Amino acid sequence: MAAAMSLQQGRAFFGSTRPFATAPKKAVTAHAAPVQAAIVGPGKKWEHMELNANGKPQRVSMHVRLGDTVKVIAGGDKGKVGTIQAVDTKRGMVVVEGVNIKTKHVKPGVQGEAGQILKKEFPVHHSNVAVYSSAQQVHSRVGYKVVDGKKVRFLKKTGEVLPERTPERKAADSSE
């Protein structure tokens, strides 16, 4: 009788195959916080990227641009000067000419082809580089000001205005 009473109250007893009673589930409202797994991107869990509302990776705003002359201010290559060859705005990384050179072993692609050992530049974080003035031989932070109605970048230490980089046109557009 006691066992039947405990089953009616929703509690399991020793030897019972019925589960414990659960609390009634609350209805999820439209104002609930998004699930944490939905706002990080694919890949390994230590490589997740923050996503925007469209599900694309959130871009990192950087103080350097493609073609800038920069000086490495932190890391193993501290003090080296080079130009930026590539920019990865998803991860906030830049590839600088002659900096962070690593040896990459490449397997042969097809049968009969020999493998290779390549020396290649790998990316560094944009916070580890500073824009460099070749004229003054000094690195500096970047500021923004308006000159003749145009917003331009300048070096804070020297006041030197950085040249504006014009986007390169693809070969298909310039066919005349």
Protein backbone atom coordinates (compact mmCIF):
# COMPACT_ATOMS: atom_id res chain seq x y z
CA MET A 1 0.00 0.00 0.00
CA ALA A 2 2.85 2.35 0.85
CA ALA A 3 4.51 1.57 -2.49
CA ALA A 4 1.33 2.38 -4.39
CA MET A 5 0.99 5.62 -2.47
CA SER A 6 4.52 6.69 -3.32
CA LEU A 7 3.93 5.99 -7.03
CA GLN A 8 0.83 8.13 -6.95
CA GLN A 9 2.83 10.99 -5.48
CA GLY A 10 5.33 10.70 -8.34
CA ARG A 11 8.25 9.31 -6.33
CA ALA A 12 10.10 6.13 -7.24
CA PHE A 13 10.92 3.53 -4.63
CA PHE A 14 13.70 0.96 -4.44
CA GLY A 15 13.34 -1.59 -7.26
CA SER A 16 10.85 0.50 -9.23
CA THR A 17 11.29 0.89 -12.98
CA ARG A 18 9.47 4.21 -13.07
CA PRO A 19 11.60 7.36 -13.14
CA PHE A 20 11.48 10.17 -10.67
CA ALA A 21 8.88 12.80 -11.34
CA THR A 22 10.16 15.87 -13.09
CA ALA A 23 9.09 19.46 -12.65
CA PRO A 24 6.83 20.83 -15.35
CA LYS A 25 8.81 22.43 -18.16
CA LYS A 26 8.56 26.20 -18.57
CA ALA A 27 7.55 27.58 -21.93
CA VAL A 28 10.39 29.30 -23.82
CA THR A 29 9.53 32.90 -24.63
CA ALA A 30 10.70 34.91 -27.61
CA HIS A 31 12.78 37.11 -25.29
CA ALA A 32 14.95 34.24 -24.06
CA ALA A 33 18.72 34.65 -24.40
CA PRO A 34 20.23 32.90 -27.45
CA VAL A 35 21.88 29.55 -26.95
CA GLN A 36 25.66 29.98 -26.44
CA ALA A 37 26.47 27.31 -29.05
CA ALA A 38 24.59 29.29 -31.69
CA ILE A 39 26.85 32.37 -31.50
CA VAL A 40 30.19 30.69 -32.06
CA GLY A 41 31.43 29.46 -35.39
CA PRO A 42 32.45 26.04 -36.61
CA GLY A 43 35.78 24.37 -36.01
CA LYS A 44 37.68 23.20 -32.99
CA LYS A 45 36.44 24.55 -29.68
CA TRP A 46 39.60 26.63 -29.18
CA GLU A 47 39.23 28.13 -32.66
CA HIS A 48 35.62 29.34 -32.43
CA MET A 49 34.85 32.74 -33.91
CA GLU A 50 32.15 35.12 -32.75
CA LEU A 51 29.31 35.32 -35.28
CA ASN A 52 27.15 38.28 -36.26
CA ALA A 53 23.35 38.23 -36.67
CA ASN A 54 23.67 36.67 -40.16
CA GLY A 55 25.77 33.77 -38.87
CA LYS A 56 28.97 35.03 -40.51
CA PRO A 57 32.22 35.60 -38.57
CA GLN A 58 32.49 38.92 -36.74
CA ARG A 59 35.22 41.02 -38.42
CA VAL A 60 38.07 42.45 -36.34
CA SER A 61 38.69 46.17 -36.90
CA MET A 62 42.43 46.74 -37.31
CA HIS A 63 44.71 49.78 -37.18
CA VAL A 64 46.84 48.50 -40.08
CA ARG A 65 45.99 47.94 -43.72
CA LEU A 66 47.31 45.98 -46.66
CA GLY A 67 50.52 47.59 -47.98
CA ASP A 68 51.41 49.46 -44.75
CA THR A 69 55.04 49.43 -43.61
CA VAL A 70 55.05 48.08 -40.06
CA LYS A 71 57.50 47.27 -37.29
CA VAL A 72 57.05 44.21 -35.07
CA ILE A 73 56.79 45.41 -31.45
CA ALA A 74 56.31 42.04 -29.69
CA GLY A 75 57.30 38.41 -30.18
CA GLY A 76 60.30 36.54 -31.46
CA ASP A 77 60.78 38.84 -34.47
CA LYS A 78 60.61 42.04 -32.38
CA GLY A 79 62.26 44.97 -34.17
CA LYS A 80 61.88 43.69 -37.74
CA VAL A 81 60.37 46.01 -40.35
CA GLY A 82 58.33 44.85 -43.35
CA THR A 83 55.23 45.51 -45.43
CA ILE A 84 51.87 43.84 -44.89
CA GLN A 85 51.20 41.29 -47.64
CA ALA A 86 47.89 39.80 -46.45
CA VAL A 87 45.18 40.64 -43.90
CA ASP A 88 42.79 38.18 -42.21
CA THR A 89 39.98 40.23 -40.68
CA LYS A 90 38.19 37.15 -39.32
CA ARG A 91 41.05 36.29 -36.95
CA GLY A 92 42.75 39.71 -36.69
CA MET A 93 46.00 38.44 -38.20
CA VAL A 94 48.41 39.97 -40.75
CA VAL A 95 51.21 38.47 -42.85
CA VAL A 96 54.30 40.69 -42.81
CA GLU A 97 57.12 40.33 -45.33
CA GLY A 98 60.17 38.65 -43.73
CA VAL A 99 58.50 38.12 -40.32
CA ASN A 100 57.48 34.87 -38.55
CA ILE A 101 59.16 32.64 -41.14
CA LYS A 102 58.57 28.94 -40.50
CA THR A 103 59.61 25.75 -42.25
CA LYS A 104 56.70 23.88 -43.85
CA HIS A 105 57.11 20.30 -45.03
CA VAL A 106 54.88 19.66 -48.05
CA LYS A 107 54.00 16.13 -49.13
CA PRO A 108 54.10 15.24 -52.83
CA GLY A 109 50.77 15.84 -54.53
CA VAL A 110 50.90 13.18 -57.29
CA GLN A 111 52.90 10.01 -57.71
CA GLY A 112 56.43 10.65 -58.96
CA GLU A 113 56.50 14.22 -57.59
CA ALA A 114 59.04 15.03 -54.89
CA GLY A 115 58.11 16.54 -51.53
CA GLN A 116 59.33 20.00 -50.59
CA ILE A 117 60.58 21.90 -47.58
CA LEU A 118 59.39 25.49 -47.87
CA LYS A 119 60.30 28.60 -45.86
CA LYS A 120 57.07 30.57 -45.54
CA GLU A 121 55.80 33.67 -43.72
CA PHE A 122 53.02 32.90 -41.26
CA PRO A 123 50.53 35.40 -39.78
CA VAL A 124 51.07 37.43 -36.61
CA HIS A 125 48.39 39.21 -34.57
CA HIS A 126 47.74 42.81 -35.58
CA SER A 127 48.35 44.02 -32.02
CA ASN A 128 52.00 42.91 -32.29
CA VAL A 129 52.79 45.35 -35.11
CA ALA A 130 52.87 49.17 -35.29
CA VAL A 131 52.86 51.40 -38.36
CA TYR A 132 56.42 52.48 -39.22
CA SER A 133 57.62 55.78 -40.68
CA SER A 134 60.50 55.12 -43.09
CA ALA A 135 61.34 58.84 -43.24
CA GLN A 136 61.64 59.35 -39.47
CA GLN A 137 62.78 55.75 -38.66
CA VAL A 138 60.18 55.48 -35.85
CA HIS A 139 57.00 53.48 -35.21
CA SER A 140 53.82 55.14 -34.00
CA ARG A 141 50.14 54.74 -33.28
CA VAL A 142 47.61 55.69 -35.95
CA GLY A 143 45.23 58.63 -35.67
CA TYR A 144 42.43 59.89 -37.90
CA LYS A 145 41.72 63.47 -38.98
CA VAL A 146 39.87 65.30 -41.72
CA VAL A 147 41.98 67.04 -44.38
CA ASP A 148 40.22 68.89 -47.23
CA GLY A 149 36.94 67.12 -46.45
CA LYS A 150 38.52 63.63 -46.52
CA LYS A 151 39.21 61.41 -43.52
CA VAL A 152 42.88 60.38 -43.55
CA ARG A 153 45.14 58.31 -41.32
CA PHE A 154 48.24 59.87 -39.76
CA LEU A 155 51.06 58.88 -37.41
CA LYS A 156 50.59 60.36 -33.96
CA LYS A 157 54.33 60.75 -33.20
CA THR A 158 55.35 62.50 -36.40
CA GLY A 159 52.08 63.88 -37.81
CA GLU A 160 52.94 62.22 -41.14
CA VAL A 161 49.81 61.51 -43.25
CA LEU A 162 49.70 57.90 -44.43
CA PRO A 163 49.08 57.35 -48.15
CA GLU A 164 45.59 56.20 -49.07
CA ARG A 165 45.55 52.72 -50.53
CA THR A 166 43.30 52.43 -53.58
CA PRO A 167 41.68 49.04 -54.09
CA GLU A 168 43.15 47.14 -57.04
CA ARG A 169 40.82 46.40 -59.92
CA LYS A 170 40.46 42.87 -61.21
CA ALA A 171 41.84 42.10 -64.68
CA ALA A 172 38.34 41.43 -66.07
CA ASP A 173 37.24 45.01 -65.30
CA SER A 174 40.18 46.68 -67.07
CA SER A 175 39.81 44.92 -70.45
CA GLU A 176 39.79 47.72 -73.04
